[in-house]
N, C-alpha and C. Protein backbone atom coordinates (compact mmCIF):
# COMPACT_ATOMS: atom_id res chain seq x y z
N UNK A 1 0.85 -1.17 0.00
CA UNK A 1 0.00 0.00 0.00
C UNK A 1 0.90 1.23 0.00
N UNK A 2 0.51 2.22 -0.76
CA UNK A 2 1.27 3.46 -0.81
C UNK A 2 1.15 4.20 0.51
N UNK A 3 2.08 5.07 0.80
CA UNK A 3 2.09 5.72 2.10
C UNK A 3 0.92 6.68 2.31
N UNK A 4 0.45 7.35 1.28
CA UNK A 4 -0.67 8.29 1.44
C UNK A 4 -1.94 7.61 1.91
N UNK A 5 -2.40 6.58 1.20
CA UNK A 5 -3.60 5.88 1.66
C UNK A 5 -3.40 5.18 3.00
N UNK A 6 -2.20 4.70 3.28
CA UNK A 6 -1.93 4.04 4.55
C UNK A 6 -2.05 5.03 5.71
N UNK A 7 -1.55 6.23 5.51
CA UNK A 7 -1.64 7.25 6.55
C UNK A 7 -3.09 7.64 6.79
N UNK A 8 -3.84 7.85 5.70
CA UNK A 8 -5.24 8.23 5.83
C UNK A 8 -6.04 7.13 6.52
N UNK A 9 -5.87 5.89 6.08
CA UNK A 9 -6.60 4.77 6.66
C UNK A 9 -6.23 4.57 8.12
N UNK A 10 -4.95 4.66 8.43
CA UNK A 10 -4.51 4.52 9.82
C UNK A 10 -5.09 5.62 10.70
N UNK A 11 -5.14 6.83 10.19
CA UNK A 11 -5.70 7.94 10.97
C UNK A 11 -7.19 7.74 11.22
N UNK A 12 -7.91 7.26 10.21
CA UNK A 12 -9.35 7.03 10.37
C UNK A 12 -9.60 5.95 11.41
N UNK A 13 -8.92 4.83 11.30
CA UNK A 13 -9.11 3.75 12.27
C UNK A 13 -8.70 4.17 13.68
N UNK A 14 -7.56 4.85 13.81
CA UNK A 14 -7.09 5.27 15.13
C UNK A 14 -8.05 6.28 15.75
N UNK A 15 -8.52 7.24 14.96
CA UNK A 15 -9.45 8.23 15.48
C UNK A 15 -10.77 7.58 15.91
N UNK A 16 -11.29 6.69 15.08
CA UNK A 16 -12.53 5.99 15.43
C UNK A 16 -12.35 5.20 16.72
N UNK A 17 -11.25 4.47 16.85
CA UNK A 17 -11.01 3.67 18.05
C UNK A 17 -10.89 4.50 19.31
N UNK A 18 -10.16 5.59 19.23
CA UNK A 18 -9.97 6.45 20.40
C UNK A 18 -11.29 7.10 20.81
N UNK A 19 -12.06 7.57 19.84
CA UNK A 19 -13.34 8.20 20.17
C UNK A 19 -14.32 7.18 20.74
N UNK A 20 -14.35 5.97 20.19
CA UNK A 20 -15.23 4.93 20.71
C UNK A 20 -14.85 4.55 22.14
N UNK A 21 -13.57 4.41 22.42
CA UNK A 21 -13.13 4.10 23.78
C UNK A 21 -13.48 5.22 24.75
N UNK A 22 -13.29 6.46 24.33
CA UNK A 22 -13.63 7.59 25.20
C UNK A 22 -15.12 7.69 25.46
N UNK A 23 -15.91 7.50 24.41
CA UNK A 23 -17.37 7.56 24.56
C UNK A 23 -17.85 6.45 25.48
N UNK A 24 -17.31 5.25 25.31
CA UNK A 24 -17.69 4.13 26.16
C UNK A 24 -17.33 4.40 27.61
N UNK A 25 -16.15 4.94 27.85
CA UNK A 25 -15.73 5.23 29.22
C UNK A 25 -16.64 6.26 29.88
N UNK A 26 -17.03 7.29 29.15
CA UNK A 26 -17.92 8.30 29.70
C UNK A 26 -19.29 7.71 30.03
N UNK A 27 -19.82 6.89 29.12
CA UNK A 27 -21.14 6.28 29.35
C UNK A 27 -21.11 5.35 30.56
N UNK A 28 -20.05 4.58 30.70
CA UNK A 28 -19.95 3.65 31.84
C UNK A 28 -19.78 4.43 33.13
N UNK A 29 -18.96 5.47 33.10
CA UNK A 29 -18.72 6.27 34.32
C UNK A 29 -20.01 6.93 34.81
N UNK A 30 -20.85 7.37 33.90
CA UNK A 30 -22.12 8.01 34.28
C UNK A 30 -23.24 7.00 34.48
N UNK A 31 -22.91 5.73 34.36
CA UNK A 31 -23.88 4.63 34.53
C UNK A 31 -25.06 4.77 33.57
N UNK A 32 -24.77 5.19 32.36
CA UNK A 32 -25.78 5.28 31.31
C UNK A 32 -25.59 4.10 30.37
N UNK A 33 -26.63 3.71 29.65
CA UNK A 33 -26.49 2.55 28.76
C UNK A 33 -25.53 2.83 27.61
N UNK A 34 -24.72 1.84 27.30
CA UNK A 34 -23.80 1.95 26.17
C UNK A 34 -24.54 1.61 24.89
N UNK A 35 -25.40 0.61 24.95
CA UNK A 35 -26.26 0.23 23.82
C UNK A 35 -27.63 -0.10 24.39
N UNK A 36 -28.66 0.40 23.75
CA UNK A 36 -30.01 0.17 24.25
C UNK A 36 -30.41 -1.29 24.06
N UNK A 37 -30.99 -1.87 25.11
CA UNK A 37 -31.48 -3.24 25.03
C UNK A 37 -30.42 -4.30 25.25
N UNK A 38 -29.21 -3.91 25.62
CA UNK A 38 -28.13 -4.87 25.84
C UNK A 38 -27.61 -4.65 27.25
N UNK A 39 -27.25 -5.75 27.93
CA UNK A 39 -26.69 -5.65 29.28
C UNK A 39 -25.46 -4.75 29.23
N UNK A 40 -25.30 -3.87 30.23
CA UNK A 40 -24.25 -2.86 30.19
C UNK A 40 -22.85 -3.46 30.13
N UNK A 41 -22.60 -4.54 30.87
CA UNK A 41 -21.27 -5.14 30.86
C UNK A 41 -20.95 -5.71 29.48
N UNK A 42 -21.93 -6.36 28.88
CA UNK A 42 -21.73 -6.93 27.55
C UNK A 42 -21.48 -5.84 26.52
N UNK A 43 -22.28 -4.78 26.56
CA UNK A 43 -22.13 -3.69 25.60
C UNK A 43 -20.80 -2.97 25.79
N UNK A 44 -20.41 -2.72 27.03
CA UNK A 44 -19.15 -2.02 27.29
C UNK A 44 -17.96 -2.87 26.87
N UNK A 45 -18.05 -4.17 27.11
CA UNK A 45 -16.96 -5.06 26.70
C UNK A 45 -16.84 -5.11 25.18
N UNK A 46 -17.97 -5.26 24.50
CA UNK A 46 -17.94 -5.32 23.04
C UNK A 46 -17.42 -4.01 22.44
N UNK A 47 -17.87 -2.88 22.97
CA UNK A 47 -17.42 -1.59 22.45
C UNK A 47 -15.92 -1.39 22.71
N UNK A 48 -15.45 -1.84 23.87
CA UNK A 48 -14.03 -1.70 24.19
C UNK A 48 -13.17 -2.57 23.28
N UNK A 49 -13.62 -3.79 23.03
CA UNK A 49 -12.87 -4.69 22.14
C UNK A 49 -12.82 -4.13 20.72
N UNK A 50 -13.93 -3.61 20.25
CA UNK A 50 -13.97 -3.03 18.91
C UNK A 50 -13.09 -1.78 18.85
N UNK A 51 -13.13 -0.95 19.89
CA UNK A 51 -12.30 0.24 19.93
C UNK A 51 -10.82 -0.09 19.95
N UNK A 52 -10.43 -1.06 20.76
CA UNK A 52 -9.02 -1.47 20.81
C UNK A 52 -8.59 -2.10 19.49
N UNK A 53 -9.49 -2.85 18.88
CA UNK A 53 -9.18 -3.43 17.58
C UNK A 53 -8.97 -2.36 16.51
N UNK A 54 -9.78 -1.32 16.55
CA UNK A 54 -9.63 -0.23 15.58
C UNK A 54 -8.32 0.51 15.80
N UNK A 55 -7.94 0.73 17.05
CA UNK A 55 -6.67 1.40 17.34
C UNK A 55 -5.50 0.53 16.87
N UNK A 56 -5.59 -0.78 17.13
CA UNK A 56 -4.54 -1.69 16.68
C UNK A 56 -4.45 -1.73 15.16
N UNK A 57 -5.59 -1.74 14.49
CA UNK A 57 -5.59 -1.73 13.03
C UNK A 57 -5.00 -0.43 12.49
N UNK A 58 -5.30 0.67 13.14
CA UNK A 58 -4.71 1.95 12.74
C UNK A 58 -3.20 1.95 12.92
N UNK A 59 -2.73 1.39 14.03
CA UNK A 59 -1.28 1.30 14.26
C UNK A 59 -0.63 0.40 13.21
N UNK A 60 -1.31 -0.68 12.84
CA UNK A 60 -0.78 -1.57 11.81
C UNK A 60 -0.68 -0.85 10.47
N UNK A 61 -1.68 -0.04 10.16
CA UNK A 61 -1.65 0.73 8.90
C UNK A 61 -0.50 1.72 8.90
N UNK A 62 -0.21 2.33 10.04
CA UNK A 62 0.91 3.27 10.13
C UNK A 62 2.24 2.54 9.96
N UNK A 63 2.30 1.26 10.33
CA UNK A 63 3.56 0.53 10.21
C UNK A 63 3.85 0.10 8.78
N UNK A 64 2.89 0.24 7.86
CA UNK A 64 3.08 -0.17 6.47
C UNK A 64 3.88 0.85 5.66
N UNK A 65 4.14 1.99 6.21
CA UNK A 65 4.83 3.05 5.45
C UNK A 65 6.23 2.67 5.10
């Protein structure tokens, strides 16, 4: 992959992951639902795993340069 698209893709994934992790942390701290109709622990765990995966994927894209 060329460096331009790799940088853009890595930035998108990293930004999405960081924002998702931050949003999840705020919702859990305020004891508000993370996802409607889903048990809070399950929703927070799933959102955290997806957020960490997105950050890891973004870091992997940055390493392709």
